[in-house]
């Protein structure tokens, strides 16, 4: 397996370079640790959610008199 370098705090992955490997904030990782999405089982790749994510039942928020006045004031065009 190929070896990569990963920044400890940022998580960015770099190709192996001996000069970068000496840096204290860089750790040496395997390809599987650097790119876990490449090693997912095929069953997990095509998985669909079991929950319906449709949003058809969203109620309208109630508008109070204060909110209506504020909305009218904000949407009114002013002449410059």
Protein backbone atom coordinates (compact mmCIF):
# COMPACT_ATOMS: atom_id res chain seq x y z
CA UNK A 1 0.00 0.00 0.00
CA UNK A 2 1.04 3.54 -0.67
CA UNK A 3 1.99 5.87 2.19
CA UNK A 4 0.55 9.36 2.58
CA UNK A 5 1.06 12.25 4.97
CA UNK A 6 -1.81 13.93 6.83
CA UNK A 7 -1.78 17.23 8.71
CA UNK A 8 -2.87 16.52 12.30
CA UNK A 9 -5.10 19.55 12.87
CA UNK A 10 -6.33 20.39 9.35
CA UNK A 11 -6.70 16.83 8.05
CA UNK A 12 -5.31 17.63 4.60
CA UNK A 13 -3.62 14.70 2.85
CA UNK A 14 -0.35 14.95 0.92
CA UNK A 15 1.74 12.59 -1.17
CA UNK A 16 4.70 11.22 0.77
CA UNK A 17 7.65 13.60 0.86
CA UNK A 18 10.60 13.05 3.23
CA UNK A 19 10.87 16.78 3.96
CA UNK A 20 7.19 17.05 4.96
CA UNK A 21 7.43 13.82 6.99
CA UNK A 22 9.88 15.54 9.37
CA UNK A 23 7.37 18.26 10.29
CA UNK A 24 5.89 17.80 13.83
CA UNK A 25 2.28 18.47 12.72
CA UNK A 26 2.39 15.84 9.97
CA UNK A 27 1.66 12.16 10.56
CA UNK A 28 2.28 9.21 8.28
CA UNK A 29 -0.89 7.29 7.31
CA UNK A 30 -1.80 4.42 5.02
CA UNK A 31 -3.89 4.81 1.88
CA UNK A 32 -6.89 3.30 3.67
CA UNK A 33 -6.66 5.88 6.46
CA UNK A 34 -6.13 8.76 4.02
CA UNK A 35 -8.97 7.83 1.64
CA UNK A 36 -11.53 5.62 3.42
CA UNK A 37 -14.15 6.17 0.69
CA UNK A 38 -12.05 4.09 -1.70
CA UNK A 39 -12.28 1.07 0.60
CA UNK A 40 -16.02 1.09 1.39
CA UNK A 41 -17.76 -2.22 0.86
CA UNK A 42 -19.90 -2.29 -2.28
CA UNK A 43 -23.01 -2.78 -0.16
CA UNK A 44 -22.55 0.61 1.52
CA UNK A 45 -21.97 2.55 -1.71
CA UNK A 46 -25.47 2.17 -3.16
CA UNK A 47 -27.42 2.36 0.07
CA UNK A 48 -30.60 4.46 0.04
CA UNK A 49 -32.17 6.08 3.12
CA UNK A 50 -35.00 4.12 4.74
CA UNK A 51 -36.73 7.32 5.85
CA UNK A 52 -38.83 9.47 3.56
CA UNK A 53 -37.12 12.86 3.25
CA UNK A 54 -39.91 14.69 1.41
CA UNK A 55 -41.00 18.06 2.76
CA UNK A 56 -44.58 18.48 1.60
CA UNK A 57 -46.17 19.16 5.03
CA UNK A 58 -44.39 22.38 5.97
CA UNK A 59 -46.93 24.74 7.58
CA UNK A 60 -46.85 28.48 6.96
CA UNK A 61 -45.48 30.38 9.96
CA UNK A 62 -47.97 32.63 11.72
CA UNK A 63 -47.50 36.33 10.94
CA UNK A 64 -48.22 38.73 13.76
CA UNK A 65 -49.04 42.42 13.27
CA UNK A 66 -45.50 43.39 14.26
CA UNK A 67 -44.01 40.99 11.75
CA UNK A 68 -46.33 42.26 8.99
CA UNK A 69 -45.31 45.86 9.64
CA UNK A 70 -41.64 44.94 9.74
CA UNK A 71 -41.97 42.91 6.54
CA UNK A 72 -43.70 45.83 4.76
CA UNK A 73 -40.96 48.19 5.93
CA UNK A 74 -38.17 45.89 4.78
CA UNK A 75 -39.67 45.18 1.37
CA UNK A 76 -40.67 48.77 0.58
CA UNK A 77 -38.44 50.28 -2.06
CA UNK A 78 -36.78 53.51 -1.04
CA UNK A 79 -35.77 56.20 -3.46
CA UNK A 80 -32.12 57.15 -3.33
